[in-house]
PDB file of all heavy atoms in Angstrom:
ATOM      1  N   PRO A   1       2.292 -14.061  -1.461  1.00  0.00           N
ATOM      2  CA  PRO A   1       1.245 -14.358  -0.489  1.00  0.00           C
ATOM      3  C   PRO A   1       1.256 -15.822  -0.086  1.00  0.00           C
ATOM      4  O   PRO A   1       1.778 -16.668  -0.794  1.00  0.00           O
ATOM      5  CB  PRO A   1      -0.037 -14.038  -1.257  1.00  0.00           C
ATOM      6  CG  PRO A   1       0.319 -14.374  -2.668  1.00  0.00           C
ATOM      7  CD  PRO A   1       1.782 -14.043  -2.830  1.00  0.00           C
ATOM      8  N   VAL A   2       0.678 -16.115   1.077  1.00  0.00           N
ATOM      9  CA  VAL A   2       0.439 -17.483   1.521  1.00  0.00           C
ATOM     10  C   VAL A   2      -1.069 -17.644   1.627  1.00  0.00           C
ATOM     11  O   VAL A   2      -1.720 -16.959   2.387  1.00  0.00           O
ATOM     12  CB  VAL A   2       1.101 -17.744   2.896  1.00  0.00           C
ATOM     13  CG1 VAL A   2       0.833 -19.168   3.346  1.00  0.00           C
ATOM     14  CG2 VAL A   2       2.595 -17.485   2.810  1.00  0.00           C
ATOM     15  N   ARG A   3      -1.622 -18.535   0.834  1.00  0.00           N
ATOM     16  CA  ARG A   3      -3.070 -18.656   0.734  1.00  0.00           C
ATOM     17  C   ARG A   3      -3.679 -19.267   1.999  1.00  0.00           C
ATOM     18  O   ARG A   3      -3.122 -20.144   2.628  1.00  0.00           O
ATOM     19  CB  ARG A   3      -3.427 -19.523  -0.457  1.00  0.00           C
ATOM     20  CG  ARG A   3      -3.253 -18.743  -1.757  1.00  0.00           C
ATOM     21  CD  ARG A   3      -4.591 -18.657  -2.424  1.00  0.00           C
ATOM     22  NE  ARG A   3      -4.510 -17.835  -3.597  1.00  0.00           N
ATOM     23  CZ  ARG A   3      -5.255 -16.773  -3.787  1.00  0.00           C
ATOM     24  NH1 ARG A   3      -6.070 -16.366  -2.858  1.00  0.00           N
ATOM     25  NH2 ARG A   3      -5.180 -16.097  -4.909  1.00  0.00           N
ATOM     26  N   ALA A   4      -4.845 -18.779   2.364  1.00  0.00           N
ATOM     27  CA  ALA A   4      -5.669 -19.348   3.422  1.00  0.00           C
ATOM     28  C   ALA A   4      -7.095 -18.937   3.159  1.00  0.00           C
ATOM     29  O   ALA A   4      -7.394 -18.302   2.149  1.00  0.00           O
ATOM     30  CB  ALA A   4      -5.172 -18.898   4.790  1.00  0.00           C
ATOM     31  N   ALA A   5      -8.001 -19.280   4.083  1.00  0.00           N
ATOM     32  CA  ALA A   5      -9.412 -19.189   3.757  1.00  0.00           C
ATOM     33  C   ALA A   5     -10.030 -17.822   3.970  1.00  0.00           C
ATOM     34  O   ALA A   5     -10.835 -17.376   3.176  1.00  0.00           O
ATOM     35  CB  ALA A   5     -10.172 -20.229   4.581  1.00  0.00           C
ATOM     36  N   ASP A   6      -9.701 -17.125   5.055  1.00  0.00           N
ATOM     37  CA  ASP A   6     -10.585 -16.074   5.507  1.00  0.00           C
ATOM     38  C   ASP A   6     -10.052 -14.641   5.423  1.00  0.00           C
ATOM     39  O   ASP A   6     -10.839 -13.710   5.313  1.00  0.00           O
ATOM     40  CB  ASP A   6     -10.994 -16.342   6.961  1.00  0.00           C
ATOM     41  CG  ASP A   6     -11.796 -17.622   7.100  1.00  0.00           C
ATOM     42  OD1 ASP A   6     -12.652 -17.871   6.247  1.00  0.00           O
ATOM     43  OD2 ASP A   6     -11.530 -18.365   8.055  1.00  0.00           O
ATOM     44  N   TRP A   7      -8.763 -14.444   5.533  1.00  0.00           N
ATOM     45  CA  TRP A   7      -8.246 -13.092   5.664  1.00  0.00           C
ATOM     46  C   TRP A   7      -7.038 -12.876   4.765  1.00  0.00           C
ATOM     47  O   TRP A   7      -6.307 -13.801   4.452  1.00  0.00           O
ATOM     48  CB  TRP A   7      -7.851 -12.797   7.114  1.00  0.00           C
ATOM     49  CG  TRP A   7      -8.977 -12.924   8.072  1.00  0.00           C
ATOM     50  CD1 TRP A   7      -9.235 -13.968   8.913  1.00  0.00           C
ATOM     51  CD2 TRP A   7     -10.032 -11.977   8.266  1.00  0.00           C
ATOM     52  NE1 TRP A   7     -10.382 -13.725   9.626  1.00  0.00           N
ATOM     53  CE2 TRP A   7     -10.896 -12.514   9.255  1.00  0.00           C
ATOM     54  CE3 TRP A   7     -10.327 -10.738   7.713  1.00  0.00           C
ATOM     55  CZ2 TRP A   7     -12.026 -11.840   9.691  1.00  0.00           C
ATOM     56  CZ3 TRP A   7     -11.457 -10.062   8.158  1.00  0.00           C
ATOM     57  CH2 TRP A   7     -12.283 -10.620   9.130  1.00  0.00           C
ATOM     58  N   ALA A   8      -6.840 -11.609   4.401  1.00  0.00           N
ATOM     59  CA  ALA A   8      -5.645 -11.226   3.650  1.00  0.00           C
ATOM     60  C   ALA A   8      -5.058  -9.983   4.300  1.00  0.00           C
ATOM     61  O   ALA A   8      -5.763  -8.996   4.497  1.00  0.00           O
ATOM     62  CB  ALA A   8      -5.993 -10.939   2.188  1.00  0.00           C
ATOM     63  N   ASP A   9      -3.800 -10.049   4.686  1.00  0.00           N
ATOM     64  CA  ASP A   9      -3.115  -8.905   5.264  1.00  0.00           C
ATOM     65  C   ASP A   9      -2.353  -8.197   4.148  1.00  0.00           C
ATOM     66  O   ASP A   9      -1.317  -8.683   3.689  1.00  0.00           O
ATOM     67  CB  ASP A   9      -2.156  -9.353   6.369  1.00  0.00           C
ATOM     68  CG  ASP A   9      -2.897  -9.801   7.625  1.00  0.00           C
ATOM     69  OD1 ASP A   9      -4.114  -9.558   7.682  1.00  0.00           O
ATOM     70  OD2 ASP A   9      -2.268 -10.364   8.528  1.00  0.00           O
ATOM     71  N   ILE A  10      -2.861  -7.054   3.731  1.00  0.00           N
ATOM     72  CA  ILE A  10      -2.330  -6.350   2.569  1.00  0.00           C
ATOM     73  C   ILE A  10      -1.261  -5.358   3.013  1.00  0.00           C
ATOM     74  O   ILE A  10      -1.470  -4.594   3.962  1.00  0.00           O
ATOM     75  CB  ILE A  10      -3.463  -5.616   1.812  1.00  0.00           C
ATOM     76  CG1 ILE A  10      -4.586  -6.596   1.447  1.00  0.00           C
ATOM     77  CG2 ILE A  10      -2.901  -4.929   0.571  1.00  0.00           C
ATOM     78  CD1 ILE A  10      -4.155  -7.761   0.590  1.00  0.00           C
ATOM     79  N   PRO A  11      -0.101  -5.329   2.350  1.00  0.00           N
ATOM     80  CA  PRO A  11       0.977  -4.427   2.770  1.00  0.00           C
ATOM     81  C   PRO A  11       0.572  -2.961   2.678  1.00  0.00           C
ATOM     82  O   PRO A  11      -0.027  -2.532   1.691  1.00  0.00           O
ATOM     83  CB  PRO A  11       2.100  -4.733   1.766  1.00  0.00           C
ATOM     84  CG  PRO A  11       1.764  -6.033   1.159  1.00  0.00           C
ATOM     85  CD  PRO A  11       0.284  -6.168   1.195  1.00  0.00           C
ATOM     86  N   ARG A  12       0.907  -2.209   3.712  1.00  0.00           N
ATOM     87  CA  ARG A  12       0.775  -0.755   3.686  1.00  0.00           C
ATOM     88  C   ARG A  12       2.155  -0.192   3.371  1.00  0.00           C
ATOM     89  O   ARG A  12       3.113  -0.434   4.100  1.00  0.00           O
ATOM     90  CB  ARG A  12       0.277  -0.224   5.027  1.00  0.00           C
ATOM     91  CG  ARG A  12      -1.108  -0.713   5.395  1.00  0.00           C
ATOM     92  CD  ARG A  12      -1.483  -0.306   6.798  1.00  0.00           C
ATOM     93  NE  ARG A  12      -1.721   1.128   6.899  1.00  0.00           N
ATOM     94  CZ  ARG A  12      -1.847   1.766   8.072  1.00  0.00           C
ATOM     95  NH1 ARG A  12      -1.711   1.104   9.204  1.00  0.00           N
ATOM     96  NH2 ARG A  12      -2.089   3.059   8.094  1.00  0.00           N
ATOM     97  N   LEU A  13       2.235   0.526   2.265  1.00  0.00           N
ATOM     98  CA  LEU A  13       3.518   1.022   1.792  1.00  0.00           C
ATOM     99  C   LEU A  13       3.749   2.456   2.256  1.00  0.00           C
ATOM    100  O   LEU A  13       2.810   3.247   2.326  1.00  0.00           O
ATOM    101  CB  LEU A  13       3.585   0.956   0.268  1.00  0.00           C
ATOM    102  CG  LEU A  13       3.316  -0.427  -0.348  1.00  0.00           C
ATOM    103  CD1 LEU A  13       3.470  -0.366  -1.855  1.00  0.00           C
ATOM    104  CD2 LEU A  13       4.251  -1.479   0.238  1.00  0.00           C
ATOM    105  N   PRO A  14       5.006   2.804   2.546  1.00  0.00           N
ATOM    106  CA  PRO A  14       5.313   4.157   3.015  1.00  0.00           C
ATOM    107  C   PRO A  14       5.379   5.147   1.858  1.00  0.00           C
ATOM    108  O   PRO A  14       6.364   5.850   1.662  1.00  0.00           O
ATOM    109  CB  PRO A  14       6.685   3.980   3.680  1.00  0.00           C
ATOM    110  CG  PRO A  14       7.326   2.903   2.878  1.00  0.00           C
ATOM    111  CD  PRO A  14       6.202   1.949   2.508  1.00  0.00           C
ATOM    112  N   LEU A  15       4.318   5.184   1.070  1.00  0.00           N
ATOM    113  CA  LEU A  15       4.233   6.074  -0.075  1.00  0.00           C
ATOM    114  C   LEU A  15       3.067   7.019   0.126  1.00  0.00           C
ATOM    115  O   LEU A  15       1.995   6.606   0.541  1.00  0.00           O
ATOM    116  CB  LEU A  15       4.011   5.283  -1.373  1.00  0.00           C
ATOM    117  CG  LEU A  15       5.019   4.184  -1.708  1.00  0.00           C
ATOM    118  CD1 LEU A  15       4.582   3.449  -2.963  1.00  0.00           C
ATOM    119  CD2 LEU A  15       6.403   4.777  -1.913  1.00  0.00           C
ATOM    120  N   GLY A  16       3.257   8.273  -0.210  1.00  0.00           N
ATOM    121  CA  GLY A  16       2.158   9.212  -0.207  1.00  0.00           C
ATOM    122  C   GLY A  16       1.737   9.477  -1.632  1.00  0.00           C
ATOM    123  O   GLY A  16       2.464  10.128  -2.387  1.00  0.00           O
ATOM    124  N   ALA A  17       0.583   8.934  -2.056  1.00  0.00           N
ATOM    125  CA  ALA A  17       0.079   9.217  -3.402  1.00  0.00           C
ATOM    126  C   ALA A  17      -0.569  10.584  -3.348  1.00  0.00           C
ATOM    127  O   ALA A  17      -1.624  10.762  -2.761  1.00  0.00           O
ATOM    128  CB  ALA A  17      -0.924   8.159  -3.835  1.00  0.00           C
ATOM    129  N   SER A  18       0.079  11.559  -3.942  1.00  0.00           N
ATOM    130  CA  SER A  18      -0.335  12.929  -3.729  1.00  0.00           C
ATOM    131  C   SER A  18      -1.640  13.250  -4.429  1.00  0.00           C
ATOM    132  O   SER A  18      -1.841  12.932  -5.595  1.00  0.00           O
ATOM    133  CB  SER A  18       0.744  13.885  -4.232  1.00  0.00           C
ATOM    134  OG  SER A  18       0.342  15.220  -4.053  1.00  0.00           O
ATOM    135  N   ALA A  19      -2.560  13.860  -3.661  1.00  0.00           N
ATOM    136  CA  ALA A  19      -3.759  14.448  -4.232  1.00  0.00           C
ATOM    137  C   ALA A  19      -3.618  15.958  -4.146  1.00  0.00           C
ATOM    138  O   ALA A  19      -4.565  16.694  -4.001  1.00  0.00           O
ATOM    139  CB  ALA A  19      -5.001  13.982  -3.479  1.00  0.00           C
ATOM    140  N   GLY A  20      -2.370  16.388  -4.209  1.00  0.00           N
ATOM    141  CA  GLY A  20      -2.041  17.805  -4.182  1.00  0.00           C
ATOM    142  C   GLY A  20      -0.970  18.076  -5.213  1.00  0.00           C
ATOM    143  O   GLY A  20      -1.003  17.538  -6.307  1.00  0.00           O
ATOM    144  N   PRO A  21       0.065  18.853  -4.864  1.00  0.00           N
ATOM    145  CA  PRO A  21       1.089  19.189  -5.852  1.00  0.00           C
ATOM    146  C   PRO A  21       1.922  18.011  -6.320  1.00  0.00           C
ATOM    147  O   PRO A  21       2.491  18.032  -7.392  1.00  0.00           O
ATOM    148  CB  PRO A  21       1.963  20.206  -5.098  1.00  0.00           C
ATOM    149  CG  PRO A  21       1.103  20.725  -4.009  1.00  0.00           C
ATOM    150  CD  PRO A  21       0.207  19.593  -3.618  1.00  0.00           C
ATOM    151  N   GLY A  22       2.030  16.939  -5.503  1.00  0.00           N
ATOM    152  CA  GLY A  22       2.808  15.787  -5.939  1.00  0.00           C
ATOM    153  C   GLY A  22       3.946  15.492  -4.990  1.00  0.00           C
ATOM    154  O   GLY A  22       4.516  16.381  -4.377  1.00  0.00           O
ATOM    155  N   THR A  23       4.285  14.224  -4.865  1.00  0.00           N
ATOM    156  CA  THR A  23       5.397  13.806  -4.032  1.00  0.00           C
ATOM    157  C   THR A  23       6.212  12.777  -4.787  1.00  0.00           C
ATOM    158  O   THR A  23       5.705  12.058  -5.637  1.00  0.00           O
ATOM    159  CB  THR A  23       4.908  13.169  -2.717  1.00  0.00           C
ATOM    160  OG1 THR A  23       4.007  12.101  -3.036  1.00  0.00           O
ATOM    161  CG2 THR A  23       4.194  14.183  -1.848  1.00  0.00           C
ATOM    162  N   VAL A  24       7.482  12.690  -4.462  1.00  0.00           N
ATOM    163  CA  VAL A  24       8.368  11.719  -5.095  1.00  0.00           C
ATOM    164  C   VAL A  24       8.207  10.384  -4.382  1.00  0.00           C
ATOM    165  O   VAL A  24       8.124  10.336  -3.154  1.00  0.00           O
ATOM    166  CB  VAL A  24       9.834  12.200  -5.030  1.00  0.00           C
ATOM    167  CG1 VAL A  24      10.780  11.164  -5.626  1.00  0.00           C
ATOM    168  CG2 VAL A  24       9.976  13.520  -5.777  1.00  0.00           C
ATOM    169  N   ALA A  25       8.135   9.293  -5.123  1.00  0.00           N
ATOM    170  CA  ALA A  25       7.965   7.966  -4.549  1.00  0.00           C
ATOM    171  C   ALA A  25       9.137   7.617  -3.646  1.00  0.00           C
ATOM    172  O   ALA A  25      10.286   7.943  -3.935  1.00  0.00           O
ATOM    173  CB  ALA A  25       7.821   6.939  -5.657  1.00  0.00           C
ATOM    174  N   LEU A  26       8.833   6.922  -2.537  1.00  0.00           N
ATOM    175  CA  LEU A  26       9.844   6.535  -1.569  1.00  0.00           C
ATOM    176  C   LEU A  26      10.096   5.039  -1.634  1.00  0.00           C
ATOM    177  O   LEU A  26       9.581   4.348  -2.499  1.00  0.00           O
ATOM    178  CB  LEU A  26       9.376   6.944  -0.163  1.00  0.00           C
ATOM    179  CG  LEU A  26       9.046   8.424   0.020  1.00  0.00           C
ATOM    180  CD1 LEU A  26       8.494   8.654   1.420  1.00  0.00           C
ATOM    181  CD2 LEU A  26      10.260   9.291  -0.214  1.00  0.00           C
TER     182      LEU A  26
END
């Protein structure tokens, strides 16, 4: 990260955390 005062842009990862039968991590 690069620190600053007001905002943080958090990475969105192309992973589906399954709340069903399950998925393999990508």
